[in-house]
Amino acid sequence: MSLFLSVTGRLLEGFGLTCWIFLITLVCSIPLGLIITFGSMSKFKPLRWLMRTFVWIIRGTPLLLQVIIVFYGPGLMFGMNGVGRMPAVLVAFIINYSAYFSEIFRGGIESIPKGQYEAGQVLGMTKRQIFFKVVLLQVVKRIVTPMGNEIITLVKDTSLARIIAVKEIIMVAQEYISAKALIWPLFYSGAFYLVFCGVLTILLNFAERKLSYFKV
């Protein structure tokens, strides 16, 4: 029993770090993703192609590789002081997920029929009013499901932080394999992910139901 409590305590510490990576990434990547979206939809072609090329590169390379590059890159390529392990993980995750979110946002905005914009203009509404009063909530309704999928994926992707020795929950569980030849803490850590993803799924389903009055 004492071993179980000890393992639980250590896994909770690792899970706290997992939750921190998840929360900071989500809070920072959503607004950054919006900025990238507006850039990729800009009528200024150099900016549009710059943003789309950035998104293409980020989405086309593994997050694991991006974490390694952010952590080791500045020191090896430019002789700069190394980035801390946790900051490197957060920077890589925020950049990666902002690119993915930006494509979801762009798809949602572009899916709104042009007739709705034209109708707003006929009514004398400004572009800002049309976007916030007519378009935005419909976009939110359309992107809830794909955003939910990415958010659930983010929960599981936090385990990649262990590649640069950030002690999230999976790395803590792995230490019991090498130190005490115990594998059950690894399965136990999976229960934390299941509960976390289960709670998020309930919340996302609730949000989707609340927006169900938008028949889009």
C-alpha atoms as a PDB file:
ATOM      1  CA  MET A   1       0.000   0.000   0.000  1.00  0.00           C
ATOM      2  CA  SER A   2       2.819   2.388   0.861  1.00  0.00           C
ATOM      3  CA  LEU A   3       4.417   1.730  -2.556  1.00  0.00           C
ATOM      4  CA  PHE A   4       1.124   2.474  -4.299  1.00  0.00           C
ATOM      5  CA  LEU A   5       0.759   5.769  -2.412  1.00  0.00           C
ATOM      6  CA  SER A   6       4.365   6.681  -3.168  1.00  0.00           C
ATOM      7  CA  VAL A   7       3.897   5.967  -6.876  1.00  0.00           C
ATOM      8  CA  THR A   8       0.621   7.903  -6.909  1.00  0.00           C
ATOM      9  CA  GLY A   9       2.282  10.910  -5.300  1.00  0.00           C
ATOM     10  CA  ARG A  10       5.126  10.969  -7.816  1.00  0.00           C
ATOM     11  CA  LEU A  11       2.765  10.464 -10.750  1.00  0.00           C
ATOM     12  CA  LEU A  12       0.632  13.334  -9.511  1.00  0.00           C
ATOM     13  CA  GLU A  13       3.729  15.552  -9.540  1.00  0.00           C
ATOM     14  CA  GLY A  14       4.437  14.527 -13.122  1.00  0.00           C
ATOM     15  CA  PHE A  15       0.792  14.970 -14.044  1.00  0.00           C
ATOM     16  CA  GLY A  16       0.885  18.503 -12.640  1.00  0.00           C
ATOM     17  CA  LEU A  17       3.674  19.307 -15.085  1.00  0.00           C
ATOM     18  CA  THR A  18       1.686  17.651 -17.895  1.00  0.00           C
ATOM     19  CA  CYS A  19      -1.313  19.847 -17.079  1.00  0.00           C
ATOM     20  CA  TRP A  20       0.897  22.938 -16.986  1.00  0.00           C
ATOM     21  CA  ILE A  21       2.313  22.221 -20.454  1.00  0.00           C
ATOM     22  CA  PHE A  22      -1.226  21.626 -21.734  1.00  0.00           C
ATOM     23  CA  LEU A  23      -2.674  24.795 -20.207  1.00  0.00           C
ATOM     24  CA  ILE A  24       0.087  27.193 -21.265  1.00  0.00           C
ATOM     25  CA  THR A  25       0.139  25.758 -24.784  1.00  0.00           C
ATOM     26  CA  LEU A  26      -3.627  26.096 -25.155  1.00  0.00           C
ATOM     27  CA  VAL A  27      -3.825  29.631 -23.745  1.00  0.00           C
ATOM     28  CA  CYS A  28      -0.969  30.925 -25.919  1.00  0.00           C
ATOM     29  CA  SER A  29      -1.495  28.998 -29.167  1.00  0.00           C
ATOM     30  CA  ILE A  30      -5.154  29.978 -29.696  1.00  0.00           C
ATOM     31  CA  PRO A  31      -4.549  33.768 -29.970  1.00  0.00           C
ATOM     32  CA  LEU A  32      -1.303  33.183 -31.899  1.00  0.00           C
ATOM     33  CA  GLY A  33      -3.220  30.875 -34.217  1.00  0.00           C
ATOM     34  CA  LEU A  34      -5.748  33.650 -34.874  1.00  0.00           C
ATOM     35  CA  ILE A  35      -2.958  36.057 -35.769  1.00  0.00           C
ATOM     36  CA  ILE A  36      -1.487  33.511 -38.180  1.00  0.00           C
ATOM     37  CA  THR A  37      -4.959  32.937 -39.640  1.00  0.00           C
ATOM     38  CA  PHE A  38      -5.456  36.616 -40.425  1.00  0.00           C
ATOM     39  CA  GLY A  39      -1.953  36.729 -41.899  1.00  0.00           C
ATOM     40  CA  SER A  40      -2.607  33.688 -44.107  1.00  0.00           C
ATOM     41  CA  MET A  41      -5.852  35.294 -45.333  1.00  0.00           C
ATOM     42  CA  SER A  42      -4.302  38.717 -45.893  1.00  0.00           C
ATOM     43  CA  LYS A  43      -4.651  40.414 -49.268  1.00  0.00           C
ATOM     44  CA  PHE A  44      -0.969  41.353 -48.967  1.00  0.00           C
ATOM     45  CA  LYS A  45       0.561  38.448 -50.886  1.00  0.00           C
ATOM     46  CA  PRO A  46       4.063  38.382 -49.290  1.00  0.00           C
ATOM     47  CA  LEU A  47       2.511  38.151 -45.823  1.00  0.00           C
ATOM     48  CA  ARG A  48      -0.011  35.550 -46.943  1.00  0.00           C
ATOM     49  CA  TRP A  49       2.614  33.304 -48.512  1.00  0.00           C
ATOM     50  CA  LEU A  50       4.974  33.776 -45.560  1.00  0.00           C
ATOM     51  CA  MET A  51       2.294  32.621 -43.114  1.00  0.00           C
ATOM     52  CA  ARG A  52       1.210  29.708 -45.292  1.00  0.00           C
ATOM     53  CA  THR A  53       4.804  28.585 -45.779  1.00  0.00           C
ATOM     54  CA  PHE A  54       5.351  28.751 -42.015  1.00  0.00           C
ATOM     55  CA  VAL A  55       2.226  26.654 -41.395  1.00  0.00           C
ATOM     56  CA  TRP A  56       3.267  24.164 -44.081  1.00  0.00           C
ATOM     57  CA  ILE A  57       6.706  23.675 -42.496  1.00  0.00           C
ATOM     58  CA  ILE A  58       5.370  23.326 -38.948  1.00  0.00           C
ATOM     59  CA  ARG A  59       2.575  20.930 -39.906  1.00  0.00           C
ATOM     60  CA  GLY A  60       4.890  18.933 -42.154  1.00  0.00           C
ATOM     61  CA  THR A  61       7.549  18.182 -39.534  1.00  0.00           C
ATOM     62  CA  PRO A  62       7.223  16.161 -36.298  1.00  0.00           C
ATOM     63  CA  LEU A  63       6.620  17.971 -33.027  1.00  0.00           C
ATOM     64  CA  LEU A  64       9.358  15.811 -31.520  1.00  0.00           C
ATOM     65  CA  LEU A  65      11.859  17.253 -34.005  1.00  0.00           C
ATOM     66  CA  GLN A  66      10.702  20.784 -33.252  1.00  0.00           C
ATOM     67  CA  VAL A  67      11.225  20.289 -29.512  1.00  0.00           C
ATOM     68  CA  ILE A  68      14.778  19.049 -30.124  1.00  0.00           C
ATOM     69  CA  ILE A  69      15.587  21.948 -32.475  1.00  0.00           C
ATOM     70  CA  VAL A  70      14.253  24.594 -30.079  1.00  0.00           C
ATOM     71  CA  PHE A  71      16.217  23.091 -27.177  1.00  0.00           C
ATOM     72  CA  TYR A  72      19.543  22.418 -28.894  1.00  0.00           C
ATOM     73  CA  GLY A  73      19.377  24.736 -31.908  1.00  0.00           C
ATOM     74  CA  PRO A  74      20.289  28.144 -30.403  1.00  0.00           C
ATOM     75  CA  GLY A  75      23.392  26.774 -28.693  1.00  0.00           C
ATOM     76  CA  LEU A  76      24.662  24.607 -31.554  1.00  0.00           C
ATOM     77  CA  MET A  77      23.879  26.971 -34.432  1.00  0.00           C
ATOM     78  CA  PHE A  78      24.499  30.398 -32.920  1.00  0.00           C
ATOM     79  CA  GLY A  79      26.615  29.752 -29.842  1.00  0.00           C
ATOM     80  CA  MET A  80      23.926  31.199 -27.608  1.00  0.00           C
ATOM     81  CA  ASN A  81      23.150  30.094 -24.083  1.00  0.00           C
ATOM     82  CA  GLY A  82      20.918  27.040 -24.141  1.00  0.00           C
ATOM     83  CA  VAL A  83      17.191  27.437 -23.740  1.00  0.00           C
ATOM     84  CA  GLY A  84      15.813  25.923 -20.546  1.00  0.00           C
ATOM     85  CA  ARG A  85      14.104  22.565 -20.876  1.00  0.00           C
ATOM     86  CA  MET A  86      10.633  23.727 -19.904  1.00  0.00           C
ATOM     87  CA  PRO A  87      10.757  26.956 -21.971  1.00  0.00           C
ATOM     88  CA  ALA A  88      11.942  24.932 -24.974  1.00  0.00           C
ATOM     89  CA  VAL A  89       9.010  22.546 -24.633  1.00  0.00           C
ATOM     90  CA  LEU A  90       6.504  25.404 -24.297  1.00  0.00           C
ATOM     91  CA  VAL A  91       7.913  27.358 -27.256  1.00  0.00           C
ATOM     92  CA  ALA A  92       7.875  24.290 -29.512  1.00  0.00           C
ATOM     93  CA  PHE A  93       4.369  23.264 -28.450  1.00  0.00           C
ATOM     94  CA  ILE A  94       2.924  26.776 -28.811  1.00  0.00           C
ATOM     95  CA  ILE A  95       4.398  27.226 -32.293  1.00  0.00           C
ATOM     96  CA  ASN A  96       3.236  23.772 -33.395  1.00  0.00           C
ATOM     97  CA  TYR A  97      -0.318  24.064 -32.141  1.00  0.00           C
ATOM     98  CA  SER A  98      -0.769  27.659 -33.277  1.00  0.00           C
ATOM     99  CA  ALA A  99      -0.089  26.418 -36.823  1.00  0.00           C
ATOM    100  CA  TYR A 100      -2.664  23.650 -36.525  1.00  0.00           C
ATOM    101  CA  PHE A 101      -5.245  25.907 -34.890  1.00  0.00           C
ATOM    102  CA  SER A 102      -4.717  28.569 -37.559  1.00  0.00           C
ATOM    103  CA  GLU A 103      -5.755  26.133 -40.284  1.00  0.00           C
ATOM    104  CA  ILE A 104      -8.869  25.167 -38.330  1.00  0.00           C
ATOM    105  CA  PHE A 105      -9.761  28.844 -37.877  1.00  0.00           C
ATOM    106  CA  ARG A 106      -9.134  29.598 -41.551  1.00  0.00           C
ATOM    107  CA  GLY A 107     -11.276  26.678 -42.646  1.00  0.00           C
ATOM    108  CA  GLY A 108     -14.098  27.805 -40.368  1.00  0.00           C
ATOM    109  CA  ILE A 109     -14.008  31.407 -41.576  1.00  0.00           C
ATOM    110  CA  GLU A 110     -13.824  30.458 -45.253  1.00  0.00           C
ATOM    111  CA  SER A 111     -16.738  28.027 -44.856  1.00  0.00           C
ATOM    112  CA  ILE A 112     -19.187  30.859 -44.163  1.00  0.00           C
ATOM    113  CA  PRO A 113     -21.134  31.680 -47.355  1.00  0.00           C
ATOM    114  CA  LYS A 114     -20.183  35.000 -48.939  1.00  0.00           C
ATOM    115  CA  GLY A 115     -23.878  35.873 -49.089  1.00  0.00           C
ATOM    116  CA  GLN A 116     -23.862  36.469 -45.335  1.00  0.00           C
ATOM    117  CA  TYR A 117     -21.135  39.079 -45.695  1.00  0.00           C
ATOM    118  CA  GLU A 118     -23.038  40.708 -48.551  1.00  0.00           C
ATOM    119  CA  ALA A 119     -26.274  40.713 -46.551  1.00  0.00           C
ATOM    120  CA  GLY A 120     -24.507  42.462 -43.684  1.00  0.00           C
ATOM    121  CA  GLN A 121     -23.137  45.092 -46.038  1.00  0.00           C
ATOM    122  CA  VAL A 122     -26.623  45.694 -47.464  1.00  0.00           C
ATOM    123  CA  LEU A 123     -27.839  46.308 -43.910  1.00  0.00           C
ATOM    124  CA  GLY A 124     -25.129  48.943 -43.481  1.00  0.00           C
ATOM    125  CA  MET A 125     -22.941  46.943 -41.097  1.00  0.00           C
ATOM    126  CA  THR A 126     -19.195  47.479 -41.001  1.00  0.00           C
ATOM    127  CA  LYS A 127     -16.788  44.599 -41.673  1.00  0.00           C
ATOM    128  CA  ARG A 128     -16.044  44.431 -37.951  1.00  0.00           C
ATOM    129  CA  GLN A 129     -19.748  44.223 -37.078  1.00  0.00           C
ATOM    130  CA  ILE A 130     -20.347  41.547 -39.701  1.00  0.00           C
ATOM    131  CA  PHE A 131     -17.483  39.443 -38.382  1.00  0.00           C
ATOM    132  CA  PHE A 132     -18.357  39.663 -34.684  1.00  0.00           C
ATOM    133  CA  LYS A 133     -22.165  39.728 -34.897  1.00  0.00           C
ATOM    134  CA  VAL A 134     -22.851  37.484 -37.880  1.00  0.00           C
ATOM    135  CA  VAL A 135     -19.845  35.300 -38.650  1.00  0.00           C
ATOM    136  CA  LEU A 136     -17.969  34.603 -35.414  1.00  0.00           C
ATOM    137  CA  LEU A 137     -20.462  32.395 -33.559  1.00  0.00           C
ATOM    138  CA  GLN A 138     -21.116  30.368 -36.694  1.00  0.00           C
ATOM    139  CA  VAL A 139     -17.378  29.851 -37.075  1.00  0.00           C
ATOM    140  CA  VAL A 140     -17.124  28.753 -33.440  1.00  0.00           C
ATOM    141  CA  LYS A 141     -19.887  26.201 -34.038  1.00  0.00           C
ATOM    142  CA  ARG A 142     -18.099  24.798 -37.079  1.00  0.00           C
ATOM    143  CA  ILE A 143     -14.694  24.481 -35.427  1.00  0.00           C
ATOM    144  CA  VAL A 144     -15.730  22.976 -32.075  1.00  0.00           C
ATOM    145  CA  THR A 145     -15.260  19.380 -33.258  1.00  0.00           C
ATOM    146  CA  PRO A 146     -11.874  19.788 -35.019  1.00  0.00           C
ATOM    147  CA  MET A 147     -10.623  21.986 -32.182  1.00  0.00           C
ATOM    148  CA  GLY A 148     -11.723  19.333 -29.721  1.00  0.00           C
ATOM    149  CA  ASN A 149      -9.753  16.701 -31.602  1.00  0.00           C
ATOM    150  CA  GLU A 150      -6.604  18.844 -31.515  1.00  0.00           C
ATOM    151  CA  ILE A 151      -7.052  19.620 -27.820  1.00  0.00           C
ATOM    152  CA  ILE A 152      -7.323  15.910 -26.993  1.00  0.00           C
ATOM    153  CA  THR A 153      -4.232  15.268 -29.115  1.00  0.00           C
ATOM    154  CA  LEU A 154      -2.401  18.004 -27.193  1.00  0.00           C
ATOM    155  CA  VAL A 155      -3.043  16.170 -23.925  1.00  0.00           C
ATOM    156  CA  LYS A 156      -1.270  13.074 -25.272  1.00  0.00           C
ATOM    157  CA  ASP A 157       1.466  15.025 -27.056  1.00  0.00           C
ATOM    158  CA  THR A 158       2.651  16.436 -23.730  1.00  0.00           C
ATOM    159  CA  SER A 159       4.408  13.084 -23.234  1.00  0.00           C
ATOM    160  CA  LEU A 160       6.921  14.165 -25.911  1.00  0.00           C
ATOM    161  CA  ALA A 161       8.446  16.567 -23.377  1.00  0.00           C
ATOM    162  CA  ARG A 162      10.378  13.643 -21.908  1.00  0.00           C
ATOM    163  CA  ILE A 163      12.669  13.634 -24.961  1.00  0.00           C
ATOM    164  CA  ILE A 164      14.611  16.507 -23.370  1.00  0.00           C
ATOM    165  CA  ALA A 165      14.202  15.156 -19.822  1.00  0.00           C
ATOM    166  CA  VAL A 166      11.208  17.221 -18.722  1.00  0.00           C
ATOM    167  CA  LYS A 167       9.685  15.048 -15.990  1.00  0.00           C
ATOM    168  CA  GLU A 168       6.096  14.790 -17.125  1.00  0.00           C
ATOM    169  CA  ILE A 169       4.020  11.816 -15.996  1.00  0.00           C
ATOM    170  CA  ILE A 170       5.260   9.248 -18.548  1.00  0.00           C
ATOM    171  CA  MET A 171       8.906   9.928 -17.726  1.00  0.00           C
ATOM    172  CA  VAL A 172       8.172   9.525 -14.015  1.00  0.00           C
ATOM    173  CA  ALA A 173       6.457   6.188 -14.717  1.00  0.00           C
ATOM    174  CA  GLN A 174       9.383   5.031 -16.872  1.00  0.00           C
ATOM    175  CA  GLU A 175      11.799   5.647 -14.020  1.00  0.00           C
ATOM    176  CA  TYR A 176      10.108   2.855 -12.064  1.00  0.00           C
ATOM    177  CA  ILE A 177      10.884   0.430 -14.901  1.00  0.00           C
ATOM    178  CA  SER A 178      14.631   1.126 -14.811  1.00  0.00           C
ATOM    179  CA  ALA A 179      14.960   1.668 -11.056  1.00  0.00           C
ATOM    180  CA  LYS A 180      12.619  -1.000  -9.618  1.00  0.00           C
ATOM    181  CA  ALA A 181      11.602  -3.163 -12.590  1.00  0.00           C
ATOM    182  CA  LEU A 182       7.972  -2.177 -12.120  1.00  0.00           C
ATOM    183  CA  ILE A 183       5.791  -1.758 -15.193  1.00  0.00           C
ATOM    184  CA  TRP A 184       2.414  -1.185 -13.562  1.00  0.00           C
ATOM    185  CA  PRO A 185       3.130   2.546 -12.900  1.00  0.00           C
ATOM    186  CA  LEU A 186       3.275   2.960 -16.693  1.00  0.00           C
ATOM    187  CA  PHE A 187      -0.238   1.521 -17.047  1.00  0.00           C
ATOM    188  CA  TYR A 188      -1.322   3.556 -14.023  1.00  0.00           C
ATOM    189  CA  SER A 189      -0.141   6.743 -15.750  1.00  0.00           C
ATOM    190  CA  GLY A 190      -2.465   5.876 -18.630  1.00  0.00           C
ATOM    191  CA  ALA A 191      -5.414   6.184 -16.245  1.00  0.00           C
ATOM    192  CA  PHE A 192      -4.524   9.835 -15.646  1.00  0.00           C
ATOM    193  CA  TYR A 193      -4.675  10.505 -19.374  1.00  0.00           C
ATOM    194  CA  LEU A 194      -7.975   8.648 -19.710  1.00  0.00           C
ATOM    195  CA  VAL A 195      -9.590  10.680 -16.948  1.00  0.00           C
ATOM    196  CA  PHE A 196      -8.198  13.975 -18.260  1.00  0.00           C
ATOM    197  CA  CYS A 197      -9.330  13.259 -21.838  1.00  0.00           C
ATOM    198  CA  GLY A 198     -12.698  12.025 -20.554  1.00  0.00           C
ATOM    199  CA  VAL A 199     -13.347  15.274 -18.674  1.00  0.00           C
ATOM    200  CA  LEU A 200     -12.310  17.339 -21.704  1.00  0.00           C
ATOM    201  CA  THR A 201     -14.589  15.280 -23.973  1.00  0.00           C
ATOM    202  CA  ILE A 202     -17.567  15.939 -21.672  1.00  0.00           C
ATOM    203  CA  LEU A 203     -16.819  19.679 -21.653  1.00  0.00           C
ATOM    204  CA  LEU A 204     -16.406  19.812 -25.434  1.00  0.00           C
ATOM    205  CA  ASN A 205     -19.638  17.885 -25.982  1.00  0.00           C
ATOM    206  CA  PHE A 206     -21.403  20.313 -23.668  1.00  0.00           C
ATOM    207  CA  ALA A 207     -20.037  23.269 -25.659  1.00  0.00           C
ATOM    208  CA  GLU A 208     -21.169  21.656 -28.902  1.00  0.00           C
ATOM    209  CA  ARG A 209     -24.696  21.155 -27.559  1.00  0.00           C
ATOM    210  CA  LYS A 210     -24.845  24.768 -26.362  1.00  0.00           C
ATOM    211  CA  LEU A 211     -24.061  25.900 -29.905  1.00  0.00           C
ATOM    212  CA  SER A 212     -26.513  23.496 -31.541  1.00  0.00           C
ATOM    213  CA  TYR A 213     -29.028  26.269 -32.281  1.00  0.00           C
ATOM    214  CA  PHE A 214     -26.732  27.408 -35.099  1.00  0.00           C
ATOM    215  CA  LYS A 215     -27.972  25.264 -37.979  1.00  0.00           C
ATOM    216  CA  VAL A 216     -24.901  25.349 -40.158  1.00  0.00           C
END
